[in-house]
Every structure is written in structure tokens, then in C-alpha cells.
C-alpha atoms as a PDB file:
ATOM      1  CA  MET A   1      46.130-110.034  47.628  1.00  0.00           C
ATOM      2  CA  VAL A   2      43.162-109.979  49.606  1.00  0.00           C
ATOM      3  CA  SER A   3      40.199-111.295  47.672  1.00  0.00           C
ATOM      4  CA  SER A   4      36.753-109.608  48.146  1.00  0.00           C
ATOM      5  CA  PRO A   5      34.097-111.515  50.591  1.00  0.00           C
ATOM      6  CA  GLU A   6      31.993-113.843  48.542  1.00  0.00           C
ATOM      7  CA  ALA A   7      28.328-112.785  48.736  1.00  0.00           C
ATOM      8  CA  PRO A   8      25.992-115.408  50.529  1.00  0.00           C
ATOM      9  CA  ALA A   9      24.660-118.477  48.641  1.00  0.00           C
ATOM     10  CA  GLY A  10      21.479-117.451  46.797  1.00  0.00           C
ATOM     11  CA  THR A  11      22.323-113.828  46.813  1.00  0.00           C
ATOM     12  CA  ALA A  12      22.503-112.162  43.351  1.00  0.00           C
ATOM     13  CA  ALA A  13      24.833-109.448  42.581  1.00  0.00           C
ATOM     14  CA  PRO A  14      23.204-106.112  42.587  1.00  0.00           C
ATOM     15  CA  ALA A  15      22.270-104.902  39.244  1.00  0.00           C
ATOM     16  CA  GLU A  16      23.674-101.506  37.545  1.00  0.00           C
ATOM     17  CA  THR A  17      20.756 -99.444  37.410  1.00  0.00           C
ATOM     18  CA  ALA A  18      20.652 -97.537  33.964  1.00  0.00           C
ATOM     19  CA  PRO A  19      20.433 -93.849  34.093  1.00  0.00           C
ATOM     20  CA  THR A  20      17.367 -92.046  34.520  1.00  0.00           C
ATOM     21  CA  ARG A  21      15.792 -89.833  31.374  1.00  0.00           C
ATOM     22  CA  ARG A  22      16.934 -86.606  33.296  1.00  0.00           C
ATOM     23  CA  GLU A  23      20.479 -88.139  33.975  1.00  0.00           C
ATOM     24  CA  GLN A  24      20.745 -89.185  30.221  1.00  0.00           C
ATOM     25  CA  ARG A  25      19.879 -85.842  29.146  1.00  0.00           C
ATOM     26  CA  THR A  26      22.623 -84.348  31.475  1.00  0.00           C
ATOM     27  CA  ILE A  27      25.311 -86.750  29.983  1.00  0.00           C
ATOM     28  CA  THR A  28      24.162 -86.063  26.300  1.00  0.00           C
ATOM     29  CA  SER A  29      24.281 -82.088  27.273  1.00  0.00           C
ATOM     30  CA  GLN A  30      27.749 -82.335  28.881  1.00  0.00           C
ATOM     31  CA  ARG A  31      29.205 -84.490  26.133  1.00  0.00           C
ATOM     32  CA  ARG A  32      27.997 -82.056  23.340  1.00  0.00           C
ATOM     33  CA  ILE A  33      29.326 -79.074  25.115  1.00  0.00           C
ATOM     34  CA  LEU A  34      32.746 -80.834  25.504  1.00  0.00           C
ATOM     35  CA  GLU A  35      32.812 -81.824  22.113  1.00  0.00           C
ATOM     36  CA  ALA A  36      32.301 -78.516  20.951  1.00  0.00           C
ATOM     37  CA  ALA A  37      34.877 -77.240  23.198  1.00  0.00           C
ATOM     38  CA  VAL A  38      37.715 -79.372  21.919  1.00  0.00           C
ATOM     39  CA  ASP A  39      36.433 -78.555  18.247  1.00  0.00           C
ATOM     40  CA  CYS A  40      36.925 -74.935  19.227  1.00  0.00           C
ATOM     41  CA  LEU A  41      40.307 -75.455  20.689  1.00  0.00           C
ATOM     42  CA  ILE A  42      41.312 -76.934  17.316  1.00  0.00           C
ATOM     43  CA  GLU A  43      39.660 -74.511  14.776  1.00  0.00           C
ATOM     44  CA  HIS A  44      40.163 -71.174  16.596  1.00  0.00           C
ATOM     45  CA  GLY A  45      42.907 -71.715  19.412  1.00  0.00           C
ATOM     46  CA  PHE A  46      42.629 -71.142  23.252  1.00  0.00           C
ATOM     47  CA  ALA A  47      41.890 -67.336  22.711  1.00  0.00           C
ATOM     48  CA  GLY A  48      38.959 -68.283  20.063  1.00  0.00           C
ATOM     49  CA  ALA A  49      37.439 -71.100  22.680  1.00  0.00           C
ATOM     50  CA  THR A  50      35.208 -68.573  24.344  1.00  0.00           C
ATOM     51  CA  THR A  51      32.182 -69.717  26.092  1.00  0.00           C
ATOM     52  CA  SER A  52      30.080 -67.849  23.449  1.00  0.00           C
ATOM     53  CA  ALA A  53      31.626 -69.657  20.586  1.00  0.00           C
ATOM     54  CA  ILE A  54      31.395 -73.228  22.454  1.00  0.00           C
ATOM     55  CA  GLN A  55      28.065 -72.506  23.361  1.00  0.00           C
ATOM     56  CA  ALA A  56      26.940 -71.663  19.694  1.00  0.00           C
ATOM     57  CA  ARG A  57      28.517 -74.668  18.456  1.00  0.00           C
ATOM     58  CA  ALA A  58      27.160 -76.967  21.129  1.00  0.00           C
ATOM     59  CA  GLY A  59      23.615 -75.554  20.463  1.00  0.00           C
ATOM     60  CA  VAL A  60      23.049 -75.381  24.037  1.00  0.00           C
ATOM     61  CA  SER A  61      21.670 -72.176  25.821  1.00  0.00           C
ATOM     62  CA  ARG A  62      23.897 -70.239  27.956  1.00  0.00           C
ATOM     63  CA  GLY A  63      22.187 -71.148  31.470  1.00  0.00           C
ATOM     64  CA  ARG A  64      22.745 -74.760  30.395  1.00  0.00           C
ATOM     65  CA  LEU A  65      26.489 -74.341  29.727  1.00  0.00           C
ATOM     66  CA  LEU A  66      27.002 -72.626  33.067  1.00  0.00           C
ATOM     67  CA  HIS A  67      25.022 -74.777  35.074  1.00  0.00           C
ATOM     68  CA  HIS A  68      27.440 -77.819  33.688  1.00  0.00           C
ATOM     69  CA  PHE A  69      30.825 -75.636  33.663  1.00  0.00           C
ATOM     70  CA  PRO A  70      30.589 -72.316  36.102  1.00  0.00           C
ATOM     71  CA  SER A  71      33.792 -70.917  34.056  1.00  0.00           C
ATOM     72  CA  ARG A  72      35.606 -71.004  31.108  1.00  0.00           C
ATOM     73  CA  GLU A  73      38.661 -72.429  32.746  1.00  0.00           C
ATOM     74  CA  ASP A  74      36.649 -75.265  34.341  1.00  0.00           C
ATOM     75  CA  LEU A  75      35.320 -75.984  30.815  1.00  0.00           C
ATOM     76  CA  LEU A  76      38.469 -75.884  28.954  1.00  0.00           C
ATOM     77  CA  VAL A  77      40.120 -78.358  31.763  1.00  0.00           C
ATOM     78  CA  ALA A  78      37.076 -80.842  31.435  1.00  0.00           C
ATOM     79  CA  ALA A  79      37.791 -80.467  27.692  1.00  0.00           C
ATOM     80  CA  ALA A  80      41.360 -81.640  28.315  1.00  0.00           C
ATOM     81  CA  ARG A  81      39.834 -84.693  30.531  1.00  0.00           C
ATOM     82  CA  HIS A  82      37.494 -85.359  27.759  1.00  0.00           C
ATOM     83  CA  LEU A  83      40.105 -85.151  25.096  1.00  0.00           C
ATOM     84  CA  ALA A  84      42.136 -87.783  27.064  1.00  0.00           C
ATOM     85  CA  ALA A  85      39.270 -90.173  27.889  1.00  0.00           C
ATOM     86  CA  GLU A  86      37.788 -90.279  24.113  1.00  0.00           C
ATOM     87  CA  ARG A  87      39.491 -88.768  21.264  1.00  0.00           C
ATOM     88  CA  VAL A  88      43.219 -89.784  22.132  1.00  0.00           C
ATOM     89  CA  ALA A  89      42.195 -93.153  23.530  1.00  0.00           C
ATOM     90  CA  ALA A  90      40.368 -93.702  20.424  1.00  0.00           C
ATOM     91  CA  ALA A  91      43.138 -92.713  18.231  1.00  0.00           C
ATOM     92  CA  THR A  92      45.785 -94.759  20.114  1.00  0.00           C
ATOM     93  CA  ALA A  93      43.581 -97.912  19.977  1.00  0.00           C
ATOM     94  CA  ARG A  94      43.112 -97.766  16.165  1.00  0.00           C
ATOM     95  CA  ALA A  95      47.006 -97.206  15.985  1.00  0.00           C
ATOM     96  CA  VAL A  96      47.459-100.406  17.807  1.00  0.00           C
ATOM     97  CA  ALA A  97      44.705-102.174  15.922  1.00  0.00           C
ATOM     98  CA  GLU A  98      46.727-101.420  12.592  1.00  0.00           C
ATOM     99  CA  ILE A  99      49.717-103.217  13.473  1.00  0.00           C
ATOM    100  CA  ASP A 100      49.982-106.656  12.339  1.00  0.00           C
ATOM    101  CA  ASP A 101      51.438-108.867  14.880  1.00  0.00           C
ATOM    102  CA  ARG A 102      52.864-111.101  11.979  1.00  0.00           C
ATOM    103  CA  VAL A 103      54.983-108.131  11.053  1.00  0.00           C
ATOM    104  CA  THR A 104      58.310-108.110  12.896  1.00  0.00           C
ATOM    105  CA  GLY A 105      61.996-106.828  12.594  1.00  0.00           C
ATOM    106  CA  SER A 106      62.982-103.801  10.490  1.00  0.00           C
ATOM    107  CA  THR A 107      59.654-103.680   8.851  1.00  0.00           C
ATOM    108  CA  ARG A 108      57.713-103.459  12.284  1.00  0.00           C
ATOM    109  CA  VAL A 109      60.248-100.780  13.444  1.00  0.00           C
ATOM    110  CA  THR A 110      59.737 -98.791  10.161  1.00  0.00           C
ATOM    111  CA  ASN A 111      56.068 -98.998  10.517  1.00  0.00           C
ATOM    112  CA  VAL A 112      55.754 -98.127  14.312  1.00  0.00           C
ATOM    113  CA  VAL A 113      57.982 -95.155  14.020  1.00  0.00           C
ATOM    114  CA  GLU A 114      55.992 -93.788  11.018  1.00  0.00           C
ATOM    115  CA  MET A 115      52.720 -94.276  13.143  1.00  0.00           C
ATOM    116  CA  MET A 116      54.033 -92.751  16.219  1.00  0.00           C
ATOM    117  CA  TRP A 117      55.055 -89.571  14.297  1.00  0.00           C
ATOM    118  CA  MET A 118      51.566 -89.403  12.352  1.00  0.00           C
ATOM    119  CA  SER A 119      50.054 -89.463  15.559  1.00  0.00           C
ATOM    120  CA  PHE A 120      51.610 -85.803  16.465  1.00  0.00           C
ATOM    121  CA  HIS A 121      49.279 -84.617  13.545  1.00  0.00           C
ATOM    122  CA  GLU A 122      46.035 -85.627  14.518  1.00  0.00           C
ATOM    123  CA  PRO A 123      43.808 -82.705  15.337  1.00  0.00           C
ATOM    124  CA  HIS A 124      43.449 -83.451  19.186  1.00  0.00           C
ATOM    125  CA  PHE A 125      47.283 -82.837  19.346  1.00  0.00           C
ATOM    126  CA  TRP A 126      46.882 -79.246  18.527  1.00  0.00           C
ATOM    127  CA  ALA A 127      43.883 -79.024  21.204  1.00  0.00           C
ATOM    128  CA  ALA A 128      46.483 -80.047  23.758  1.00  0.00           C
ATOM    129  CA  VAL A 129      49.095 -77.728  22.664  1.00  0.00           C
ATOM    130  CA  GLU A 130      46.571 -74.721  22.946  1.00  0.00           C
ATOM    131  CA  LEU A 131      45.888 -76.015  26.786  1.00  0.00           C
ATOM    132  CA  TRP A 132      49.831 -76.198  27.341  1.00  0.00           C
ATOM    133  CA  THR A 133      50.282 -72.823  26.077  1.00  0.00           C
ATOM    134  CA  ALA A 134      47.687 -71.250  28.068  1.00  0.00           C
ATOM    135  CA  SER A 135      48.918 -73.204  31.211  1.00  0.00           C
ATOM    136  CA  ARG A 136      52.208 -71.336  30.965  1.00  0.00           C
ATOM    137  CA  THR A 137      50.317 -68.192  32.212  1.00  0.00           C
ATOM    138  CA  ASN A 138      47.238 -69.455  34.034  1.00  0.00           C
ATOM    139  CA  GLU A 139      48.527 -71.303  37.324  1.00  0.00           C
ATOM    140  CA  TRP A 140      44.991 -72.710  37.715  1.00  0.00           C
ATOM    141  CA  ILE A 141      44.921 -74.399  34.218  1.00  0.00           C
ATOM    142  CA  ALA A 142      48.420 -75.579  34.882  1.00  0.00           C
ATOM    143  CA  GLY A 143      47.848 -77.140  38.271  1.00  0.00           C
ATOM    144  CA  ALA A 144      44.449 -78.889  36.894  1.00  0.00           C
ATOM    145  CA  LEU A 145      45.977 -79.942  33.662  1.00  0.00           C
ATOM    146  CA  LEU A 146      49.158 -81.591  34.971  1.00  0.00           C
ATOM    147  CA  PRO A 147      47.362 -84.751  36.832  1.00  0.00           C
ATOM    148  CA  VAL A 148      45.515 -85.046  33.276  1.00  0.00           C
ATOM    149  CA  GLU A 149      48.747 -84.957  31.252  1.00  0.00           C
ATOM    150  CA  ARG A 150      50.291 -87.309  33.546  1.00  0.00           C
ATOM    151  CA  HIS A 151      47.422 -90.077  33.377  1.00  0.00           C
ATOM    152  CA  LEU A 152      47.388 -89.612  29.508  1.00  0.00           C
ATOM    153  CA  GLY A 153      51.192 -89.888  29.450  1.00  0.00           C
ATOM    154  CA  GLY A 154      50.811 -93.345  30.850  1.00  0.00           C
ATOM    155  CA  VAL A 155      48.018 -94.223  28.521  1.00  0.00           C
ATOM    156  CA  ILE A 156      50.101 -93.396  25.284  1.00  0.00           C
ATOM    157  CA  ARG A 157      53.079 -95.108  26.565  1.00  0.00           C
ATOM    158  CA  SER A 158      51.162 -98.278  26.987  1.00  0.00           C
ATOM    159  CA  SER A 159      49.718 -98.098  23.619  1.00  0.00           C
ATOM    160  CA  ILE A 160      53.188 -97.511  21.924  1.00  0.00           C
ATOM    161  CA  ASP A 161      54.351-100.543  23.935  1.00  0.00           C
ATOM    162  CA  ARG A 162      51.736-102.719  22.225  1.00  0.00           C
ATOM    163  CA  MET A 163      52.723-101.226  18.952  1.00  0.00           C
ATOM    164  CA  TRP A 164      56.174-102.357  19.152  1.00  0.00           C
ATOM    165  CA  GLY A 165      55.169-105.656  20.604  1.00  0.00           C
ATOM    166  CA  PRO A 166      56.798-107.721  23.699  1.00  0.00           C
ATOM    167  CA  GLU A 167      59.890-108.768  21.572  1.00  0.00           C
ATOM    168  CA  LEU A 168      61.140-105.111  20.828  1.00  0.00           C
ATOM    169  CA  VAL A 169      59.655-103.915  24.503  1.00  0.00           C
ATOM    170  CA  GLY A 170      62.056-106.470  25.995  1.00  0.00           C
ATOM    171  CA  HIS A 171      65.213-104.969  24.871  1.00  0.00           C
ATOM    172  CA  PRO A 172      67.491-103.290  27.319  1.00  0.00           C
ATOM    173  CA  ARG A 173      67.225 -99.880  25.620  1.00  0.00           C
ATOM    174  CA  TYR A 174      63.648 -99.793  24.541  1.00  0.00           C
ATOM    175  CA  ALA A 175      62.564 -97.397  27.267  1.00  0.00           C
ATOM    176  CA  GLN A 176      65.439 -94.919  26.385  1.00  0.00           C
ATOM    177  CA  LEU A 177      64.404 -95.138  22.677  1.00  0.00           C
ATOM    178  CA  ARG A 178      60.565 -94.693  23.571  1.00  0.00           C
ATOM    179  CA  GLU A 179      61.554 -91.543  25.405  1.00  0.00           C
ATOM    180  CA  ILE A 180      63.916 -89.972  22.725  1.00  0.00           C
ATOM    181  CA  LEU A 181      61.235 -90.695  19.804  1.00  0.00           C
ATOM    182  CA  PHE A 182      58.313 -89.177  22.013  1.00  0.00           C
ATOM    183  CA  THR A 183      59.926 -86.081  23.125  1.00  0.00           C
ATOM    184  CA  SER A 184      61.560 -85.517  19.907  1.00  0.00           C
ATOM    185  CA  MET A 185      58.617 -86.160  17.671  1.00  0.00           C
ATOM    186  CA  ARG A 186      56.471 -83.865  20.033  1.00  0.00           C
ATOM    187  CA  GLY A 187      59.235 -81.168  19.739  1.00  0.00           C
ATOM    188  CA  VAL A 188      59.336 -81.246  15.809  1.00  0.00           C
ATOM    189  CA  ALA A 189      55.749 -81.439  15.097  1.00  0.00           C
ATOM    190  CA  LEU A 190      55.304 -78.117  16.988  1.00  0.00           C
ATOM    191  CA  ALA A 191      56.994 -76.388  14.027  1.00  0.00           C
ATOM    192  CA  TYR A 192      54.041 -77.592  11.787  1.00  0.00           C
ATOM    193  CA  ALA A 193      51.957 -74.719  13.448  1.00  0.00           C
ATOM    194  CA  PHE A 194      53.624 -72.561  10.926  1.00  0.00           C
ATOM    195  CA  ASP A 195      55.164 -74.986   8.479  1.00  0.00           C
ATOM    196  CA  HIS A 196      52.625 -76.841   6.563  1.00  0.00           C
ATOM    197  CA  ARG A 197      54.449 -79.522   5.087  1.00  0.00           C
ATOM    198  CA  ASP A 198      53.745 -83.093   4.215  1.00  0.00           C
ATOM    199  CA  PRO A 199      54.883 -84.976   7.627  1.00  0.00           C
ATOM    200  CA  ARG A 200      55.321 -88.499   5.582  1.00  0.00           C
ATOM    201  CA  ARG A 201      58.853 -86.541   3.849  1.00  0.00           C
ATOM    202  CA  ASP A 202      60.039 -84.736   7.226  1.00  0.00           C
ATOM    203  CA  PRO A 203      63.770 -85.563   7.205  1.00  0.00           C
ATOM    204  CA  HIS A 204      63.655 -86.684  10.631  1.00  0.00           C
ATOM    205  CA  LEU A 205      61.621 -89.600   9.960  1.00  0.00           C
ATOM    206  CA  PRO A 206      64.383 -91.959   8.804  1.00  0.00           C
ATOM    207  CA  GLN A 207      66.428 -90.656  11.313  1.00  0.00           C
ATOM    208  CA  TRP A 208      64.242 -91.920  13.943  1.00  0.00           C
ATOM    209  CA  THR A 209      63.965 -95.253  11.939  1.00  0.00           C
ATOM    210  CA  ASP A 210      67.822 -95.521  11.853  1.00  0.00           C
ATOM    211  CA  THR A 211      67.884 -94.380  15.518  1.00  0.00           C
ATOM    212  CA  ALA A 212      65.503 -97.297  16.356  1.00  0.00           C
ATOM    213  CA  LEU A 213      67.200-100.063  14.038  1.00  0.00           C
ATOM    214  CA  VAL A 214      70.484 -99.373  15.925  1.00  0.00           C
ATOM    215  CA  LEU A 215      69.154 -99.057  19.539  1.00  0.00           C
ATOM    216  CA  LEU A 216      67.106-102.104  19.216  1.00  0.00           C
ATOM    217  CA  GLU A 217      69.862-103.950  17.254  1.00  0.00           C
ATOM    218  CA  VAL A 218      67.354-104.905  14.626  1.00  0.00           C
END
């Protein structure tokens, strides 16, 4: 690995400059708009996440919204990036923090499987589903969303690995199990769009747990 050249002796590293008041207003305004867009996707779906609805929820002028995001597609794809960078990252970090590293064996497997399953019932999951559905018939959104989703998939899998812990991750069938659980849970969760049940009582949950115990030989 090539290391970076060292600065001359006595030369201080350049300090990071704080954003100006105008730049901070821009950052705050964009964040407010993106949060409003995600909330509109969750509450009203893709069809209801209009620029007018997002503008009203964000409490900004039409001109300011269009200055930051010239089209609805630009805004909703930016919302997807925001969703990945902010809400999903925060949720996965919370899940990792809730795992007690002292818990091992079958108890850890049971806890992690349930936590993985419940993550598909977070509000941000439904915002993502709305964008996936829209991308089926909108090539522009599909093309813009693909790299976002690939990056997000890597972040989520990395977090899942930390939840399972190095001992279980080291099992030769772990990668196979992770993909089985991830894709199966995502598919089953879609039915909750119309079938409002308690996900903790889903009949698939003990099946996923049994599959994990068998494949990981716990």
C-alpha cells in the first residue's frame, strides 16, 4: 500500500472550514425537503408523494423546492439516497447496538433472526418498496436507483454480519443462510401491505429460526 506523503515539518494540516450561514441554510432546507419526501412516500405512497404534497410538508416555497430538485424524479431518487444514508443506517446501527455480545448459541440465533425480521416492518421499508414499484415502469428512476440499492445492500449485509457475530459468520454456510433469510423475509414482508397482522406471530419466524440453527449447526 502506498502511503500519503508526509507534510513538511512544522506545517499544520489544513483546518476544515465550517459551512457559511448561507450554505447551512441550504443544507437544512434540503434535509427538510428530503425528510418530507420520505414521509410522504411512507404515508401516501409513490402516487401521493407529489411535489406539492412534499412542499407543503416541508414548509418551503415552490421556488426553493425546484431550486434544489428540478423534477419530481430528481427529488424522489434523492430521497432514496437520503433514506439509505440516514434512516436505514440509523436503524441498522440501533439493531447492532441491541445485540448483547455475551449472548451466544441458539439464543443469539433466535434473537438475530427476530431482529432481522422486524427490520422489514420499519416505515422506511415501505418507502423503499414504493420506489421499487415505481422503477418497474420508469427507466430513469430504475437506473438512478440501482447504484443506491446496491450500496445500501452492502451496508445492510455488513450490519447483519455484526449482529450474528464473528463466530457464526465464520461458519461455511453462513453466507448461504444470510441470503436465504434476507430474500425470504423481504418477500414475506410484502404481504403485510394488505394483511395487517402481528409480525412477531408470523408462522415463518420459527421456520427461519430452525433453518438457521440447522445450517449453522448450533
